[in-house]
Amino acid sequence: MALPYPPEEMRALVGRPALDLFLEEPSYPPHLTRRVLDLGCGCGRIARWLLTQTPRPTRYLGLDIHAGMIEWCQSNLAAEAFDYIRQDVANPGLNPTGTLGAAPIPAEDGSFSLIIAISFFTHLIESQVPQYLDEIARVIAADGTLHSTFFLFDKRGFPMMQEFQNALYINADDPTNAVIYDRAWLLNELSERNLAVRWVGPPDIQGFHWHLWIGKGGEHVKFPRDLAPVGRLPPPLLGDPHR
């Protein structure tokens, strides 16, 4: 039986309402998708794809702060070894009454061969990043991979910033709308947790998010120049009556 697509209003919250985002198939090698943690799983784009794979993951855990999208996944993408859990973390657009800070990942140490954090760190304020990196470093397997996206800039070009300030925010009403991190700061935070960038995918639009593939141990690879064409892809302005 064909799996359903989430409703248009939910698709709009995770990027764009058109179905094209859900028709794209991520290209993860099978050995990585044995045990998958999906941070910010939304309305199940990755889960839906993994449910069509043979073999399926022996474990999938999707975490999100949006009650409606977690409920939709539980009702429409239910399967053996697939779990969807809502975490009550505060976010102005998706969960304004939640608890400030970060939530622990409900999993044992070294549990996951692949951790996916697409459009996850791009919506966290600076103080949340070390907390989630601590948890990722704990639950990732020794040979596991973190695939994440980040908006990055070079703080050296902003001499007015304090030593403790390492992020830029584009929206005064909702700082999590899109968050841009100093690259050197991020690499240092990863190194402190014995995590290293193994491969870098530059933005498709100049200044947009970088795809980072991160593993345990080793040295960071060098970043290529951002030579992408100029364009626009602003984040959605959030406000969902079905939250």
Protein backbone atom coordinates (compact mmCIF):
# COMPACT_ATOMS: atom_id res chain seq x y z
CA MET A 1 0.00 0.00 0.00
CA ALA A 2 1.32 3.45 -0.93
CA LEU A 3 2.27 5.66 1.98
CA PRO A 4 0.33 8.91 2.35
CA TYR A 5 1.82 12.36 1.97
CA PRO A 6 1.44 14.82 4.84
CA PRO A 7 -1.08 17.65 4.41
CA GLU A 8 -0.03 20.82 2.63
CA GLU A 9 0.02 22.96 5.78
CA MET A 10 2.54 20.60 7.40
CA ARG A 11 4.70 20.43 4.28
CA ALA A 12 4.83 24.23 4.31
CA LEU A 13 6.21 24.20 7.87
CA VAL A 14 9.19 22.03 6.91
CA GLY A 15 10.22 23.90 3.78
CA ARG A 16 7.70 24.25 0.97
CA PRO A 17 4.16 23.00 0.40
CA ALA A 18 4.83 21.47 -3.04
CA LEU A 19 5.33 17.70 -3.05
CA ASP A 20 8.72 17.91 -4.77
CA LEU A 21 10.60 17.87 -1.46
CA PHE A 22 8.88 14.60 -0.54
CA LEU A 23 9.57 13.05 -3.93
CA GLU A 24 13.33 13.52 -3.57
CA GLU A 25 15.12 10.38 -2.34
CA PRO A 26 18.08 10.89 0.03
CA SER A 27 21.16 8.90 -0.98
CA TYR A 28 22.36 7.25 2.21
CA PRO A 29 24.38 4.04 1.82
CA PRO A 30 22.63 0.98 3.30
CA HIS A 31 25.27 0.36 5.96
CA LEU A 32 24.46 3.74 7.53
CA THR A 33 20.69 3.28 7.65
CA ARG A 34 20.70 0.32 10.02
CA ARG A 35 19.89 2.45 13.06
CA VAL A 36 18.70 5.99 12.37
CA LEU A 37 18.05 9.02 14.59
CA ASP A 38 16.12 11.79 12.82
CA LEU A 39 16.41 15.08 14.74
CA GLY A 40 13.63 17.44 13.75
CA CYS A 41 11.82 14.69 11.84
CA GLY A 42 8.89 17.02 11.03
CA CYS A 43 6.09 15.28 9.14
CA GLY A 44 8.19 12.27 8.21
CA ARG A 45 10.00 13.01 4.94
CA ILE A 46 13.02 10.85 5.86
CA ALA A 47 10.92 8.24 7.68
CA ARG A 48 8.65 7.88 4.66
CA TRP A 49 11.63 7.22 2.41
CA LEU A 50 13.21 4.74 4.83
CA LEU A 51 9.93 2.80 5.04
CA THR A 52 10.21 2.10 1.32
CA GLN A 53 13.74 0.72 1.55
CA THR A 54 14.78 -2.94 1.61
CA PRO A 55 15.93 -3.74 4.17
CA ARG A 56 14.32 -1.21 6.47
CA PRO A 57 16.29 0.15 9.43
CA THR A 58 16.28 -2.12 12.47
CA ARG A 59 15.60 1.04 14.45
CA TYR A 60 14.31 4.49 13.56
CA LEU A 61 13.70 7.26 16.10
CA GLY A 62 12.16 10.53 14.95
CA LEU A 63 12.14 13.47 17.36
CA ASP A 64 10.33 16.76 16.89
CA ILE A 65 8.81 19.55 18.97
CA HIS A 66 5.65 19.97 16.89
CA ALA A 67 2.81 17.94 18.39
CA GLY A 68 0.68 17.85 15.24
CA MET A 69 3.44 16.52 13.00
CA ILE A 70 4.47 13.84 15.50
CA GLU A 71 0.84 12.74 15.79
CA TRP A 72 0.56 12.59 11.99
CA CYS A 73 3.67 10.39 11.76
CA GLN A 74 2.41 8.09 14.51
CA SER A 75 -0.92 7.68 12.70
CA ASN A 76 0.32 7.44 9.10
CA LEU A 77 3.89 6.13 9.18
CA ALA A 78 3.60 3.53 11.92
CA ALA A 79 5.81 0.46 11.50
CA GLU A 80 7.76 -2.03 13.55
CA ALA A 81 10.93 -0.45 15.02
CA PHE A 82 9.81 3.05 13.93
CA ASP A 83 9.14 5.44 16.82
CA TYR A 84 8.13 9.11 16.80
CA ILE A 85 8.48 11.12 20.00
CA ARG A 86 7.56 14.71 20.71
CA GLN A 87 10.03 16.72 22.79
CA ASP A 88 8.54 19.69 24.62
CA VAL A 89 11.29 22.22 23.84
CA ALA A 90 10.27 25.86 23.47
CA ASN A 91 10.23 27.41 20.01
CA PRO A 92 8.42 30.66 19.18
CA GLY A 93 6.88 29.36 15.96
CA LEU A 94 6.38 25.64 16.58
CA ASN A 95 6.03 25.20 20.35
CA PRO A 96 5.83 28.54 22.20
CA THR A 97 4.73 27.04 25.53
CA GLY A 98 7.52 24.47 25.73
CA THR A 99 10.46 24.26 28.12
CA LEU A 100 13.49 26.44 27.43
CA GLY A 101 16.82 24.83 26.55
CA ALA A 102 17.34 21.41 25.04
CA ALA A 103 15.96 17.93 25.64
CA PRO A 104 18.01 14.75 26.15
CA ILE A 105 17.87 12.15 23.40
CA PRO A 106 15.97 9.11 24.73
CA ALA A 107 18.48 6.49 23.61
CA GLU A 108 21.45 4.55 24.95
CA ASP A 109 25.08 5.44 24.28
CA GLY A 110 26.35 4.51 20.82
CA SER A 111 22.86 3.66 19.55
CA PHE A 112 22.81 5.07 16.02
CA SER A 113 24.75 4.42 12.82
CA LEU A 114 23.23 7.52 11.18
CA ILE A 115 22.03 10.74 12.81
CA ILE A 116 20.16 13.11 10.49
CA ALA A 117 19.84 16.76 11.52
CA ILE A 118 18.65 18.51 8.36
CA SER A 119 17.28 22.01 9.12
CA PHE A 120 17.78 21.31 12.82
CA PHE A 121 20.79 23.33 13.95
CA THR A 122 19.75 26.08 11.54
CA HIS A 123 16.87 26.77 13.96
CA LEU A 124 18.63 26.52 17.33
CA ILE A 125 19.92 29.47 19.31
CA GLU A 126 23.61 29.38 20.22
CA SER A 127 23.19 28.11 23.79
CA GLN A 128 21.31 25.01 22.58
CA VAL A 129 24.02 23.85 20.19
CA PRO A 130 26.57 22.55 22.78
CA GLN A 131 23.79 20.69 24.60
CA TYR A 132 22.68 18.85 21.49
CA LEU A 133 26.25 18.17 20.37
CA ASP A 134 26.86 16.56 23.78
CA GLU A 135 23.90 14.26 23.19
CA ILE A 136 24.91 13.48 19.62
CA ALA A 137 28.45 12.59 20.70
CA ARG A 138 26.92 10.25 23.28
CA VAL A 139 24.44 8.36 21.08
CA ILE A 140 26.40 8.12 17.81
CA ALA A 141 28.09 4.78 17.17
CA ALA A 142 31.88 4.61 17.00
CA ASP A 143 31.65 4.22 13.20
CA GLY A 144 28.50 6.31 12.86
CA THR A 145 27.82 9.45 10.85
CA LEU A 146 26.03 12.70 11.57
CA HIS A 147 24.59 14.40 8.48
CA SER A 148 23.61 17.95 9.34
CA THR A 149 23.08 21.34 7.77
CA PHE A 150 24.37 24.67 9.07
CA PHE A 151 24.27 28.31 8.05
CA LEU A 152 27.86 29.52 8.49
CA PHE A 153 29.78 32.81 8.47
CA ASP A 154 33.25 34.05 9.43
CA LYS A 155 33.12 36.00 12.66
CA ARG A 156 36.47 37.64 11.90
CA GLY A 157 34.61 39.95 9.55
CA PHE A 158 32.40 41.22 12.40
CA PRO A 159 34.77 42.97 14.83
CA MET A 160 31.92 44.32 16.94
CA MET A 161 30.99 40.83 18.18
CA GLN A 162 31.98 39.77 21.69
CA GLU A 163 34.05 36.62 22.34
CA PHE A 164 30.96 34.85 23.68
CA GLN A 165 28.80 35.81 20.68
CA ASN A 166 29.03 33.28 17.87
CA ALA A 167 25.65 33.40 16.13
CA LEU A 168 23.65 35.81 13.99
CA TYR A 169 19.84 35.95 14.00
CA ILE A 170 17.67 37.28 11.17
CA ASN A 171 14.32 37.65 12.95
CA ALA A 172 13.85 39.72 16.11
CA ASP A 173 10.44 38.19 16.82
CA ASP A 174 11.62 34.60 16.32
CA PRO A 175 15.41 34.18 16.66
CA THR A 176 15.08 30.51 15.65
CA ASN A 177 13.70 31.44 12.20
CA ALA A 178 17.23 31.03 10.83
CA VAL A 179 20.48 31.01 12.84
CA ILE A 180 23.95 31.53 11.34
CA TYR A 181 27.01 30.25 13.23
CA ASP A 182 30.65 31.23 13.18
CA ARG A 183 32.40 28.38 11.40
CA ALA A 184 35.52 28.39 13.60
CA TRP A 185 33.36 28.26 16.72
CA LEU A 186 31.35 25.33 15.39
CA LEU A 187 34.46 23.37 14.40
CA ASN A 188 35.92 23.94 17.85
CA GLU A 189 32.69 22.73 19.50
CA LEU A 190 32.84 19.57 17.40
CA SER A 191 36.52 18.97 18.18
CA GLU A 192 35.89 19.27 21.91
CA ARG A 193 33.53 16.30 21.59
CA ASN A 194 35.88 14.22 19.42
CA LEU A 195 33.75 14.86 16.35
CA ALA A 196 35.23 15.85 12.99
CA VAL A 197 33.84 17.04 9.65
CA ARG A 198 34.66 14.30 7.13
CA TRP A 199 32.97 15.74 4.03
CA VAL A 200 31.47 19.11 3.11
CA GLY A 201 28.72 19.87 0.62
CA PRO A 202 28.66 23.60 -0.24
CA PRO A 203 25.40 25.53 -0.60
CA ASP A 204 23.27 25.31 -3.73
CA ILE A 205 22.44 29.00 -3.28
CA GLN A 206 25.21 31.36 -2.15
CA GLY A 207 25.10 31.79 1.62
CA PHE A 208 22.53 29.02 2.16
CA HIS A 209 23.12 25.93 4.27
CA TRP A 210 26.20 23.74 4.15
CA HIS A 211 25.83 19.95 4.34
CA LEU A 212 28.33 18.47 6.81
CA TRP A 213 29.07 14.77 7.24
CA ILE A 214 30.58 14.30 10.67
CA GLY A 215 32.12 11.28 12.40
CA LYS A 216 34.06 10.41 15.53
CA GLY A 217 37.76 11.24 15.69
CA GLY A 218 40.18 12.57 13.11
CA GLU A 219 40.72 16.03 11.68
CA HIS A 220 38.31 18.40 9.99
CA VAL A 221 38.50 18.51 6.20
CA LYS A 222 38.96 21.86 4.50
CA PHE A 223 35.89 23.74 3.36
CA PRO A 224 35.60 24.65 -0.32
CA ARG A 225 34.67 28.17 -1.37
CA ASP A 226 31.01 29.05 -1.69
CA LEU A 227 30.74 29.56 -5.45
CA ALA A 228 27.01 28.92 -5.71
CA PRO A 229 24.81 31.31 -7.70
CA VAL A 230 23.01 34.11 -5.89
CA GLY A 231 19.39 33.40 -5.06
CA ARG A 232 16.71 33.51 -2.37
CA LEU A 233 15.13 30.77 -0.26
CA PRO A 234 13.74 32.41 2.91
CA PRO A 235 12.47 30.18 5.73
CA PRO A 236 8.73 29.91 6.37
CA LEU A 237 7.16 32.36 8.79
CA LEU A 238 5.73 30.00 11.33
CA GLY A 239 2.33 29.99 12.94
CA ASP A 240 0.30 26.79 12.81
CA PRO A 241 -3.24 26.55 14.21
CA HIS A 242 -2.90 22.75 14.37
CA ARG A 243 0.14 22.77 16.65
